[in-house]
Amino acid sequence: MVERASDKMAYEAVHKFAQISPRKVRPLADLVRGKFADEALDILRYQPNRGARMLEKVLKSALANAEDRRAPNLRHLVVVDVRVDQGPKFKRLRPKARGMSSIIKKRMSHIRVTLD
């Protein structure tokens, strides 16, 4: 029997256009991937980074989605997938010496959490 994605109940939440570089959030995503959802929340709660707050909010949102869609066991939900993809960039110019300028790239990211 072939298992399709529609047979499997996965609960997902996405934070698009988060004002943080993906490079700063990915190490935190690696910390919680594969853990139980409540354990992942405990790990993120004690991280001092700003990205941990964003990831924590997305994880709470995924848990709320699971609760809203009547997940059978909220205690046994596992963080299956955490993806931090690059979003668009704001480009700003910074004046430099002798009339030149350099580009400042303010990076954004898309944070996606999947529970199963």
PDB file of N, CA and C in Angstrom:
ATOM      1  N   MET A   1       0.839  -1.179   0.000  1.00  0.00           N
ATOM      2  CA  MET A   1       0.000   0.000   0.000  1.00  0.00           C
ATOM      3  C   MET A   1       0.883   1.240   0.000  1.00  0.00           C
ATOM      4  N   VAL A   2       0.580   2.162  -0.860  1.00  0.00           N
ATOM      5  CA  VAL A   2       1.349   3.395  -0.966  1.00  0.00           C
ATOM      6  C   VAL A   2       0.697   4.448  -0.085  1.00  0.00           C
ATOM      7  N   GLU A   3       1.511   5.061   0.776  1.00  0.00           N
ATOM      8  CA  GLU A   3       0.983   6.085   1.670  1.00  0.00           C
ATOM      9  C   GLU A   3       1.102   7.443   0.994  1.00  0.00           C
ATOM     10  N   ARG A   4      -0.015   8.129   0.872  1.00  0.00           N
ATOM     11  CA  ARG A   4      -0.023   9.450   0.254  1.00  0.00           C
ATOM     12  C   ARG A   4       0.039  10.517   1.327  1.00  0.00           C
ATOM     13  N   ALA A   5       0.382  11.735   0.896  1.00  0.00           N
ATOM     14  CA  ALA A   5       0.458  12.852   1.837  1.00  0.00           C
ATOM     15  C   ALA A   5      -0.909  13.188   2.423  1.00  0.00           C
ATOM     16  N   SER A   6      -1.982  12.931   1.665  1.00  0.00           N
ATOM     17  CA  SER A   6      -3.318  13.252   2.167  1.00  0.00           C
ATOM     18  C   SER A   6      -3.767  12.277   3.256  1.00  0.00           C
ATOM     19  N   ASP A   7      -3.213  11.045   3.276  1.00  0.00           N
ATOM     20  CA  ASP A   7      -3.557  10.078   4.311  1.00  0.00           C
ATOM     21  C   ASP A   7      -2.967  10.477   5.657  1.00  0.00           C
ATOM     22  N   LYS A   8      -1.844  11.121   5.625  1.00  0.00           N
ATOM     23  CA  LYS A   8      -1.111  11.476   6.822  1.00  0.00           C
ATOM     24  C   LYS A   8      -1.573  12.844   7.312  1.00  0.00           C
ATOM     25  N   MET A   9      -1.842  12.963   8.613  1.00  0.00           N
ATOM     26  CA  MET A   9      -2.261  14.248   9.144  1.00  0.00           C
ATOM     27  C   MET A   9      -1.039  15.010   9.624  1.00  0.00           C
ATOM     28  N   ALA A  10      -0.697  16.042   8.920  1.00  0.00           N
ATOM     29  CA  ALA A  10       0.406  16.909   9.326  1.00  0.00           C
ATOM     30  C   ALA A  10      -0.177  18.291   9.599  1.00  0.00           C
ATOM     31  N   TYR A  11       0.289  18.898  10.659  1.00  0.00           N
ATOM     32  CA  TYR A  11      -0.193  20.221  11.051  1.00  0.00           C
ATOM     33  C   TYR A  11       0.943  21.203  10.830  1.00  0.00           C
ATOM     34  N   GLU A  12       0.625  22.330  10.193  1.00  0.00           N
ATOM     35  CA  GLU A  12       1.674  23.203   9.707  1.00  0.00           C
ATOM     36  C   GLU A  12       1.360  24.656  10.050  1.00  0.00           C
ATOM     37  N   ALA A  13       2.415  25.433  10.246  1.00  0.00           N
ATOM     38  CA  ALA A  13       2.279  26.876  10.427  1.00  0.00           C
ATOM     39  C   ALA A  13       3.457  27.544   9.729  1.00  0.00           C
ATOM     40  N   VAL A  14       3.210  28.733   9.175  1.00  0.00           N
ATOM     41  CA  VAL A  14       4.236  29.445   8.415  1.00  0.00           C
ATOM     42  C   VAL A  14       4.277  30.902   8.854  1.00  0.00           C
ATOM     43  N   HIS A  15       5.465  31.417   9.063  1.00  0.00           N
ATOM     44  CA  HIS A  15       5.665  32.855   9.268  1.00  0.00           C
ATOM     45  C   HIS A  15       6.436  33.362   8.067  1.00  0.00           C
ATOM     46  N   LYS A  16       5.727  34.065   7.197  1.00  0.00           N
ATOM     47  CA  LYS A  16       6.372  34.592   5.999  1.00  0.00           C
ATOM     48  C   LYS A  16       6.871  36.001   6.262  1.00  0.00           C
ATOM     49  N   PHE A  17       7.925  36.357   5.583  1.00  0.00           N
ATOM     50  CA  PHE A  17       8.516  37.701   5.626  1.00  0.00           C
ATOM     51  C   PHE A  17       8.955  38.095   7.035  1.00  0.00           C
ATOM     52  N   ALA A  18       9.550  37.148   7.765  1.00  0.00           N
ATOM     53  CA  ALA A  18      10.091  37.449   9.096  1.00  0.00           C
ATOM     54  C   ALA A  18      11.329  38.321   8.921  1.00  0.00           C
ATOM     55  N   GLN A  19      11.409  39.400   9.685  1.00  0.00           N
ATOM     56  CA  GLN A  19      12.502  40.360   9.542  1.00  0.00           C
ATOM     57  C   GLN A  19      13.756  39.872  10.266  1.00  0.00           C
ATOM     58  N   ILE A  20      14.281  38.753   9.802  1.00  0.00           N
ATOM     59  CA  ILE A  20      15.509  38.205  10.372  1.00  0.00           C
ATOM     60  C   ILE A  20      16.183  37.374   9.290  1.00  0.00           C
ATOM     61  N   SER A  21      17.490  37.343   9.320  1.00  0.00           N
ATOM     62  CA  SER A  21      18.225  36.570   8.337  1.00  0.00           C
ATOM     63  C   SER A  21      18.030  35.075   8.590  1.00  0.00           C
ATOM     64  N   PRO A  22      17.857  34.274   7.530  1.00  0.00           N
ATOM     65  CA  PRO A  22      17.671  32.831   7.736  1.00  0.00           C
ATOM     66  C   PRO A  22      18.869  32.174   8.411  1.00  0.00           C
ATOM     67  N   ARG A  23      20.019  32.755   8.194  1.00  0.00           N
ATOM     68  CA  ARG A  23      21.244  32.210   8.773  1.00  0.00           C
ATOM     69  C   ARG A  23      21.234  32.247  10.302  1.00  0.00           C
ATOM     70  N   LYS A  24      20.485  33.185  10.866  1.00  0.00           N
ATOM     71  CA  LYS A  24      20.411  33.308  12.324  1.00  0.00           C
ATOM     72  C   LYS A  24      19.399  32.346  12.939  1.00  0.00           C
ATOM     73  N   VAL A  25      18.431  31.891  12.139  1.00  0.00           N
ATOM     74  CA  VAL A  25      17.364  31.039  12.672  1.00  0.00           C
ATOM     75  C   VAL A  25      17.658  29.559  12.452  1.00  0.00           C
ATOM     76  N   ARG A  26      18.414  29.229  11.410  1.00  0.00           N
ATOM     77  CA  ARG A  26      18.650  27.814  11.077  1.00  0.00           C
ATOM     78  C   ARG A  26      19.292  26.994  12.198  1.00  0.00           C
ATOM     79  N   PRO A  27      20.289  27.521  12.932  1.00  0.00           N
ATOM     80  CA  PRO A  27      20.821  26.707  14.050  1.00  0.00           C
ATOM     81  C   PRO A  27      19.772  26.388  15.109  1.00  0.00           C
ATOM     82  N   LEU A  28      18.835  27.303  15.342  1.00  0.00           N
ATOM     83  CA  LEU A  28      17.758  27.054  16.302  1.00  0.00           C
ATOM     84  C   LEU A  28      16.789  26.009  15.759  1.00  0.00           C
ATOM     85  N   ALA A  29      16.564  26.035  14.453  1.00  0.00           N
ATOM     86  CA  ALA A  29      15.691  25.039  13.830  1.00  0.00           C
ATOM     87  C   ALA A  29      16.305  23.648  13.958  1.00  0.00           C
ATOM     88  N   ASP A  30      17.631  23.563  13.851  1.00  0.00           N
ATOM     89  CA  ASP A  30      18.304  22.278  14.001  1.00  0.00           C
ATOM     90  C   ASP A  30      18.176  21.733  15.418  1.00  0.00           C
ATOM     91  N   LEU A  31      18.055  22.641  16.406  1.00  0.00           N
ATOM     92  CA  LEU A  31      17.908  22.208  17.802  1.00  0.00           C
ATOM     93  C   LEU A  31      16.592  21.472  18.039  1.00  0.00           C
ATOM     94  N   VAL A  32      15.522  21.924  17.398  1.00  0.00           N
ATOM     95  CA  VAL A  32      14.196  21.388  17.722  1.00  0.00           C
ATOM     96  C   VAL A  32      13.694  20.338  16.746  1.00  0.00           C
ATOM     97  N   ARG A  33      14.339  20.184  15.614  1.00  0.00           N
ATOM     98  CA  ARG A  33      13.871  19.212  14.614  1.00  0.00           C
ATOM     99  C   ARG A  33      13.951  17.798  15.178  1.00  0.00           C
ATOM    100  N   GLY A  34      12.839  17.054  15.094  1.00  0.00           N
ATOM    101  CA  GLY A  34      12.805  15.677  15.575  1.00  0.00           C
ATOM    102  C   GLY A  34      12.402  15.524  17.027  1.00  0.00           C
ATOM    103  N   LYS A  35      12.186  16.609  17.749  1.00  0.00           N
ATOM    104  CA  LYS A  35      11.808  16.549  19.163  1.00  0.00           C
ATOM    105  C   LYS A  35      10.274  16.585  19.292  1.00  0.00           C
ATOM    106  N   PHE A  36       9.780  16.204  20.464  1.00  0.00           N
ATOM    107  CA  PHE A  36       8.364  16.382  20.761  1.00  0.00           C
ATOM    108  C   PHE A  36       8.081  17.876  20.851  1.00  0.00           C
ATOM    109  N   ALA A  37       6.864  18.277  20.536  1.00  0.00           N
ATOM    110  CA  ALA A  37       6.527  19.701  20.436  1.00  0.00           C
ATOM    111  C   ALA A  37       6.704  20.430  21.763  1.00  0.00           C
ATOM    112  N   ASP A  38       6.262  19.817  22.877  1.00  0.00           N
ATOM    113  CA  ASP A  38       6.409  20.502  24.162  1.00  0.00           C
ATOM    114  C   ASP A  38       7.872  20.596  24.585  1.00  0.00           C
ATOM    115  N   GLU A  39       8.658  19.589  24.249  1.00  0.00           N
ATOM    116  CA  GLU A  39      10.092  19.620  24.539  1.00  0.00           C
ATOM    117  C   GLU A  39      10.780  20.705  23.703  1.00  0.00           C
ATOM    118  N   ALA A  40      10.359  20.843  22.450  1.00  0.00           N
ATOM    119  CA  ALA A  40      10.921  21.874  21.574  1.00  0.00           C
ATOM    120  C   ALA A  40      10.598  23.270  22.097  1.00  0.00           C
ATOM    121  N   LEU A  41       9.383  23.455  22.619  1.00  0.00           N
ATOM    122  CA  LEU A  41       9.021  24.747  23.200  1.00  0.00           C
ATOM    123  C   LEU A  41       9.885  25.072  24.413  1.00  0.00           C
ATOM    124  N   ASP A  42      10.165  24.049  25.241  1.00  0.00           N
ATOM    125  CA  ASP A  42      11.030  24.266  26.409  1.00  0.00           C
ATOM    126  C   ASP A  42      12.441  24.651  25.980  1.00  0.00           C
ATOM    127  N   ILE A  43      12.942  24.010  24.938  1.00  0.00           N
ATOM    128  CA  ILE A  43      14.291  24.327  24.448  1.00  0.00           C
ATOM    129  C   ILE A  43      14.338  25.763  23.954  1.00  0.00           C
ATOM    130  N   LEU A  44      13.350  26.160  23.174  1.00  0.00           N
ATOM    131  CA  LEU A  44      13.347  27.510  22.597  1.00  0.00           C
ATOM    132  C   LEU A  44      13.128  28.588  23.647  1.00  0.00           C
ATOM    133  N   ARG A  45      12.372  28.257  24.697  1.00  0.00           N
ATOM    134  CA  ARG A  45      12.071  29.244  25.733  1.00  0.00           C
ATOM    135  C   ARG A  45      13.340  29.741  26.424  1.00  0.00           C
ATOM    136  N   TYR A  46      14.355  28.892  26.534  1.00  0.00           N
ATOM    137  CA  TYR A  46      15.564  29.263  27.259  1.00  0.00           C
ATOM    138  C   TYR A  46      16.707  29.697  26.346  1.00  0.00           C
ATOM    139  N   GLN A  47      16.428  29.879  25.072  1.00  0.00           N
ATOM    140  CA  GLN A  47      17.438  30.414  24.156  1.00  0.00           C
ATOM    141  C   GLN A  47      17.346  31.941  24.170  1.00  0.00           C
ATOM    142  N   PRO A  48      18.473  32.630  24.231  1.00  0.00           N
ATOM    143  CA  PRO A  48      18.425  34.096  24.326  1.00  0.00           C
ATOM    144  C   PRO A  48      18.212  34.808  22.990  1.00  0.00           C
ATOM    145  N   ASN A  49      18.211  34.095  21.883  1.00  0.00           N
ATOM    146  CA  ASN A  49      18.175  34.720  20.562  1.00  0.00           C
ATOM    147  C   ASN A  49      16.794  35.246  20.194  1.00  0.00           C
ATOM    148  N   ARG A  50      16.770  36.265  19.352  1.00  0.00           N
ATOM    149  CA  ARG A  50      15.517  36.823  18.852  1.00  0.00           C
ATOM    150  C   ARG A  50      14.828  35.836  17.911  1.00  0.00           C
ATOM    151  N   GLY A  51      15.617  35.070  17.183  1.00  0.00           N
ATOM    152  CA  GLY A  51      15.060  34.073  16.278  1.00  0.00           C
ATOM    153  C   GLY A  51      14.326  32.968  17.019  1.00  0.00           C
ATOM    154  N   ALA A  52      14.740  32.705  18.251  1.00  0.00           N
ATOM    155  CA  ALA A  52      14.070  31.686  19.064  1.00  0.00           C
ATOM    156  C   ALA A  52      12.645  32.125  19.384  1.00  0.00           C
ATOM    157  N   ARG A  53      12.429  33.439  19.608  1.00  0.00           N
ATOM    158  CA  ARG A  53      11.075  33.934  19.874  1.00  0.00           C
ATOM    159  C   ARG A  53      10.188  33.734  18.645  1.00  0.00           C
ATOM    160  N   MET A  54      10.734  34.010  17.458  1.00  0.00           N
ATOM    161  CA  MET A  54       9.955  33.853  16.229  1.00  0.00           C
ATOM    162  C   MET A  54       9.614  32.392  15.981  1.00  0.00           C
ATOM    163  N   LEU A  55      10.598  31.520  16.157  1.00  0.00           N
ATOM    164  CA  LEU A  55      10.387  30.084  15.949  1.00  0.00           C
ATOM    165  C   LEU A  55       9.402  29.534  16.979  1.00  0.00           C
ATOM    166  N   GLU A  56       9.478  30.048  18.200  1.00  0.00           N
ATOM    167  CA  GLU A  56       8.567  29.624  19.259  1.00  0.00           C
ATOM    168  C   GLU A  56       7.120  29.993  18.904  1.00  0.00           C
ATOM    169  N   LYS A  57       6.920  31.201  18.358  1.00  0.00           N
ATOM    170  CA  LYS A  57       5.570  31.623  17.972  1.00  0.00           C
ATOM    171  C   LYS A  57       5.007  30.755  16.851  1.00  0.00           C
ATOM    172  N   VAL A  58       5.851  30.400  15.886  1.00  0.00           N
ATOM    173  CA  VAL A  58       5.387  29.565  14.781  1.00  0.00           C
ATOM    174  C   VAL A  58       5.046  28.164  15.290  1.00  0.00           C
ATOM    175  N   LEU A  59       5.849  27.648  16.210  1.00  0.00           N
ATOM    176  CA  LEU A  59       5.586  26.331  16.784  1.00  0.00           C
ATOM    177  C   LEU A  59       4.283  26.329  17.581  1.00  0.00           C
ATOM    178  N   LYS A  60       4.033  27.397  18.346  1.00  0.00           N
ATOM    179  CA  LYS A  60       2.775  27.507  19.084  1.00  0.00           C
ATOM    180  C   LYS A  60       1.593  27.586  18.121  1.00  0.00           C
ATOM    181  N   SER A  61       1.783  28.266  17.007  1.00  0.00           N
ATOM    182  CA  SER A  61       0.729  28.373  16.010  1.00  0.00           C
ATOM    183  C   SER A  61       0.429  27.010  15.383  1.00  0.00           C
ATOM    184  N   ALA A  62       1.470  26.219  15.126  1.00  0.00           N
ATOM    185  CA  ALA A  62       1.267  24.880  14.576  1.00  0.00           C
ATOM    186  C   ALA A  62       0.536  23.995  15.581  1.00  0.00           C
ATOM    187  N   LEU A  63       0.856  24.135  16.870  1.00  0.00           N
ATOM    188  CA  LEU A  63       0.138  23.385  17.907  1.00  0.00           C
ATOM    189  C   LEU A  63      -1.329  23.810  17.973  1.00  0.00           C
ATOM    190  N   ALA A  64      -1.578  25.102  17.836  1.00  0.00           N
ATOM    191  CA  ALA A  64      -2.956  25.590  17.848  1.00  0.00           C
ATOM    192  C   ALA A  64      -3.715  25.079  16.625  1.00  0.00           C
ATOM    193  N   ASN A  65      -3.038  24.995  15.482  1.00  0.00           N
ATOM    194  CA  ASN A  65      -3.673  24.439  14.285  1.00  0.00           C
ATOM    195  C   ASN A  65      -4.032  22.976  14.490  1.00  0.00           C
ATOM    196  N   ALA A  66      -3.143  22.242  15.157  1.00  0.00           N
ATOM    197  CA  ALA A  66      -3.404  20.830  15.440  1.00  0.00           C
ATOM    198  C   ALA A  66      -4.604  20.687  16.384  1.00  0.00           C
ATOM    199  N   GLU A  67      -4.658  21.555  17.380  1.00  0.00           N
ATOM    200  CA  GLU A  67      -5.770  21.507  18.329  1.00  0.00           C
ATOM    201  C   GLU A  67      -7.080  21.884  17.633  1.00  0.00           C
ATOM    202  N   ASP A  68      -7.025  22.853  16.755  1.00  0.00           N
ATOM    203  CA  ASP A  68      -8.214  23.302  16.041  1.00  0.00           C
ATOM    204  C   ASP A  68      -8.743  22.224  15.094  1.00  0.00           C
ATOM    205  N   ARG A  69      -7.826  21.458  14.496  1.00  0.00           N
ATOM    206  CA  ARG A  69      -8.233  20.400  13.576  1.00  0.00           C
ATOM    207  C   ARG A  69      -8.431  19.062  14.289  1.00  0.00           C
ATOM    208  N   ARG A  70      -8.558  19.122  15.615  1.00  0.00           N
ATOM    209  CA  ARG A  70      -8.873  17.959  16.440  1.00  0.00           C
ATOM    210  C   ARG A  70      -7.843  16.844  16.319  1.00  0.00           C
ATOM    211  N   ALA A  71      -6.592  17.166  16.596  1.00  0.00           N
ATOM    212  CA  ALA A  71      -5.536  16.154  16.593  1.00  0.00           C
ATOM    213  C   ALA A  71      -5.817  15.159  17.716  1.00  0.00           C
ATOM    214  N   PRO A  72      -5.650  13.858  17.453  1.00  0.00           N
ATOM    215  CA  PRO A  72      -5.993  12.860  18.472  1.00  0.00           C
ATOM    216  C   PRO A  72      -5.123  12.937  19.722  1.00  0.00           C
ATOM    217  N   ASN A  73      -3.838  13.187  19.564  1.00  0.00           N
ATOM    218  CA  ASN A  73      -2.946  13.212  20.720  1.00  0.00           C
ATOM    219  C   ASN A  73      -2.001  14.391  20.622  1.00  0.00           C
ATOM    220  N   LEU A  74      -2.286  15.466  21.321  1.00  0.00           N
ATOM    221  CA  LEU A  74      -1.423  16.653  21.264  1.00  0.00           C
ATOM    222  C   LEU A  74      -0.089  16.411  21.955  1.00  0.00           C
ATOM    223  N   ARG A  75      -0.073  15.509  22.935  1.00  0.00           N
ATOM    224  CA  ARG A  75       1.169  15.254  23.673  1.00  0.00           C
ATOM    225  C   ARG A  75       2.213  14.513  22.838  1.00  0.00           C
ATOM    226  N   HIS A  76       1.755  13.771  21.837  1.00  0.00           N
ATOM    227  CA  HIS A  76       2.677  12.946  21.057  1.00  0.00           C
ATOM    228  C   HIS A  76       3.022  13.549  19.698  1.00  0.00           C
ATOM    229  N   LEU A  77       2.765  14.839  19.520  1.00  0.00           N
ATOM    230  CA  LEU A  77       3.126  15.484  18.259  1.00  0.00           C
ATOM    231  C   LEU A  77       4.634  15.735  18.220  1.00  0.00           C
ATOM    232  N   VAL A  78       5.221  15.422  17.080  1.00  0.00           N
ATOM    233  CA  VAL A  78       6.670  15.563  16.902  1.00  0.00           C
ATOM    234  C   VAL A  78       6.926  16.632  15.844  1.00  0.00           C
ATOM    235  N   VAL A  79       7.958  17.431  16.063  1.00  0.00           N
ATOM    236  CA  VAL A  79       8.366  18.430  15.078  1.00  0.00           C
ATOM    237  C   VAL A  79       9.066  17.681  13.959  1.00  0.00           C
ATOM    238  N   VAL A  80       8.344  17.418  12.876  1.00  0.00           N
ATOM    239  CA  VAL A  80       8.866  16.614  11.782  1.00  0.00           C
ATOM    240  C   VAL A  80       9.791  17.439  10.899  1.00  0.00           C
ATOM    241  N   ASP A  81       9.353  18.658  10.574  1.00  0.00           N
ATOM    242  CA  ASP A  81      10.102  19.460   9.614  1.00  0.00           C
ATOM    243  C   ASP A  81      10.107  20.915  10.065  1.00  0.00           C
ATOM    244  N   VAL A  82      11.285  21.512  10.076  1.00  0.00           N
ATOM    245  CA  VAL A  82      11.427  22.948  10.313  1.00  0.00           C
ATOM    246  C   VAL A  82      12.272  23.481   9.171  1.00  0.00           C
ATOM    247  N   ARG A  83      11.664  24.357   8.370  1.00  0.00           N
ATOM    248  CA  ARG A  83      12.402  24.929   7.246  1.00  0.00           C
ATOM    249  C   ARG A  83      12.484  26.428   7.412  1.00  0.00           C
ATOM    250  N   VAL A  84      13.673  26.958   7.205  1.00  0.00           N
ATOM    251  CA  VAL A  84      13.880  28.403   7.229  1.00  0.00           C
ATOM    252  C   VAL A  84      14.434  28.769   5.866  1.00  0.00           C
ATOM    253  N   ASP A  85      13.562  29.288   5.012  1.00  0.00           N
ATOM    254  CA  ASP A  85      13.940  29.638   3.651  1.00  0.00           C
ATOM    255  C   ASP A  85      14.169  31.140   3.554  1.00  0.00           C
ATOM    256  N   GLN A  86      14.926  31.514   2.546  1.00  0.00           N
ATOM    257  CA  GLN A  86      15.211  32.927   2.344  1.00  0.00           C
ATOM    258  C   GLN A  86      14.041  33.613   1.665  1.00  0.00           C
ATOM    259  N   GLY A  87      13.692  34.788   2.156  1.00  0.00           N
ATOM    260  CA  GLY A  87      12.638  35.591   1.555  1.00  0.00           C
ATOM    261  C   GLY A  87      13.270  36.715   0.742  1.00  0.00           C
ATOM    262  N   PRO A  88      12.497  37.721   0.419  1.00  0.00           N
ATOM    263  CA  PRO A  88      13.047  38.846  -0.328  1.00  0.00           C
ATOM    264  C   PRO A  88      13.972  39.693   0.536  1.00  0.00           C
ATOM    265  N   LYS A  89      14.712  40.588  -0.102  1.00  0.00           N
ATOM    266  CA  LYS A  89      15.644  41.456   0.621  1.00  0.00           C
ATOM    267  C   LYS A  89      15.271  42.910   0.393  1.00  0.00           C
ATOM    268  N   PHE A  90      15.352  43.703   1.452  1.00  0.00           N
ATOM    269  CA  PHE A  90      15.306  45.155   1.289  1.00  0.00           C
ATOM    270  C   PHE A  90      16.706  45.585   0.939  1.00  0.00           C
ATOM    271  N   LYS A  91      16.865  46.395  -0.081  1.00  0.00           N
ATOM    272  CA  LYS A  91      18.195  46.882  -0.433  1.00  0.00           C
ATOM    273  C   LYS A  91      18.266  48.363  -0.113  1.00  0.00           C
ATOM    274  N   ARG A  92      19.254  48.726   0.663  1.00  0.00           N
ATOM    275  CA  ARG A  92      19.458  50.116   1.076  1.00  0.00           C
ATOM    276  C   ARG A  92      20.864  50.536   0.687  1.00  0.00           C
ATOM    277  N   LEU A  93      21.051  51.823   0.443  1.00  0.00           N
ATOM    278  CA  LEU A  93      22.373  52.341   0.113  1.00  0.00           C
ATOM    279  C   LEU A  93      22.957  53.060   1.315  1.00  0.00           C
ATOM    280  N   ARG A  94      24.237  52.819   1.552  1.00  0.00           N
ATOM    281  CA  ARG A  94      24.944  53.490   2.627  1.00  0.00           C
ATOM    282  C   ARG A  94      26.053  54.340   2.016  1.00  0.00           C
ATOM    283  N   PRO A  95      26.073  55.622   2.336  1.00  0.00           N
ATOM    284  CA  PRO A  95      27.121  56.468   1.761  1.00  0.00           C
ATOM    285  C   PRO A  95      28.503  56.070   2.267  1.00  0.00           C
ATOM    286  N   LYS A  96      29.469  56.137   1.352  1.00  0.00           N
ATOM    287  CA  LYS A  96      30.863  55.823   1.692  1.00  0.00           C
ATOM    288  C   LYS A  96      31.740  57.018   1.321  1.00  0.00           C
ATOM    289  N   ALA A  97      33.012  56.835   1.480  1.00  0.00           N
ATOM    290  CA  ALA A  97      33.963  57.903   1.198  1.00  0.00           C
ATOM    291  C   ALA A  97      34.043  58.180  -0.309  1.00  0.00           C
ATOM    292  N   ARG A  98      34.398  59.407  -0.672  1.00  0.00           N
ATOM    293  CA  ARG A  98      34.651  59.852  -2.048  1.00  0.00           C
ATOM    294  C   ARG A  98      33.432  59.677  -2.946  1.00  0.00           C
ATOM    295  N   GLY A  99      32.234  59.878  -2.388  1.00  0.00           N
ATOM    296  CA  GLY A  99      31.026  59.856  -3.191  1.00  0.00           C
ATOM    297  C   GLY A  99      30.525  58.485  -3.597  1.00  0.00           C
ATOM    298  N   MET A 100      31.128  57.439  -3.062  1.00  0.00           N
ATOM    299  CA  MET A 100      30.677  56.085  -3.400  1.00  0.00           C
ATOM    300  C   MET A 100      29.611  55.632  -2.390  1.00  0.00           C
ATOM    301  N   SER A 101      29.039  54.482  -2.658  1.00  0.00           N
ATOM    302  CA  SER A 101      28.064  53.926  -1.718  1.00  0.00           C
ATOM    303  C   SER A 101      28.176  52.407  -1.748  1.00  0.00           C
ATOM    304  N   SER A 102      27.671  51.785  -0.692  1.00  0.00           N
ATOM    305  CA  SER A 102      27.620  50.324  -0.656  1.00  0.00           C
ATOM    306  C   SER A 102      26.186  49.903  -0.368  1.00  0.00           C
ATOM    307  N   ILE A 103      25.861  48.684  -0.743  1.00  0.00           N
ATOM    308  CA  ILE A 103      24.503  48.181  -0.580  1.00  0.00           C
ATOM    309  C   ILE A 103      24.393  47.429   0.738  1.00  0.00           C
ATOM    310  N   ILE A 104      23.353  47.747   1.487  1.00  0.00           N
ATOM    311  CA  ILE A 104      23.017  46.998   2.696  1.00  0.00           C
ATOM    312  C   ILE A 104      21.813  46.144   2.351  1.00  0.00           C
ATOM    313  N   LYS A 105      21.912  44.833   2.563  1.00  0.00           N
ATOM    314  CA  LYS A 105      20.809  43.923   2.282  1.00  0.00           C
ATOM    315  C   LYS A 105      20.157  43.529   3.594  1.00  0.00           C
ATOM    316  N   LYS A 106      18.926  43.965   3.780  1.00  0.00           N
ATOM    317  CA  LYS A 106      18.166  43.567   4.971  1.00  0.00           C
ATOM    318  C   LYS A 106      17.378  42.332   4.587  1.00  0.00           C
ATOM    319  N   ARG A 107      17.806  41.187   5.091  1.00  0.00           N
ATOM    320  CA  ARG A 107      17.257  39.898   4.653  1.00  0.00           C
ATOM    321  C   ARG A 107      16.015  39.516   5.441  1.00  0.00           C
ATOM    322  N   MET A 108      15.131  38.797   4.757  1.00  0.00           N
ATOM    323  CA  MET A 108      13.922  38.268   5.380  1.00  0.00           C
ATOM    324  C   MET A 108      13.922  36.753   5.212  1.00  0.00           C
ATOM    325  N   SER A 109      13.102  36.097   6.002  1.00  0.00           N
ATOM    326  CA  SER A 109      13.037  34.634   5.900  1.00  0.00           C
ATOM    327  C   SER A 109      11.602  34.168   6.043  1.00  0.00           C
ATOM    328  N   HIS A 110      11.351  32.969   5.534  1.00  0.00           N
ATOM    329  CA  HIS A 110      10.072  32.292   5.683  1.00  0.00           C
ATOM    330  C   HIS A 110      10.309  31.102   6.601  1.00  0.00           C
ATOM    331  N   ILE A 111       9.645  31.075   7.750  1.00  0.00           N
ATOM    332  CA  ILE A 111       9.822  30.000   8.743  1.00  0.00           C
ATOM    333  C   ILE A 111       8.605  29.086   8.676  1.00  0.00           C
ATOM    334  N   ARG A 112       8.840  27.789   8.414  1.00  0.00           N
ATOM    335  CA  ARG A 112       7.760  26.817   8.293  1.00  0.00           C
ATOM    336  C   ARG A 112       7.999  25.675   9.260  1.00  0.00           C
ATOM    337  N   VAL A 113       6.982  25.348  10.081  1.00  0.00           N
ATOM    338  CA  VAL A 113       7.069  24.265  11.069  1.00  0.00           C
ATOM    339  C   VAL A 113       5.965  23.250  10.751  1.00  0.00           C
ATOM    340  N   THR A 114       6.336  21.971  10.713  1.00  0.00           N
ATOM    341  CA  THR A 114       5.367  20.897  10.457  1.00  0.00           C
ATOM    342  C   THR A 114       5.402  19.921  11.623  1.00  0.00           C
ATOM    343  N   LEU A 115       4.224  19.639  12.178  1.00  0.00           N
ATOM    344  CA  LEU A 115       4.077  18.672  13.287  1.00  0.00           C
ATOM    345  C   LEU A 115       3.352  17.442  12.765  1.00  0.00           C
ATOM    346  N   ASP A 116       3.682  16.282  13.342  1.00  0.00           N
ATOM    347  CA  ASP A 116       2.994  15.062  12.956  1.00  0.00           C
ATOM    348  C   ASP A 116       2.908  14.130  14.151  1.00  0.00           C
TER     349      ASP A 116
END
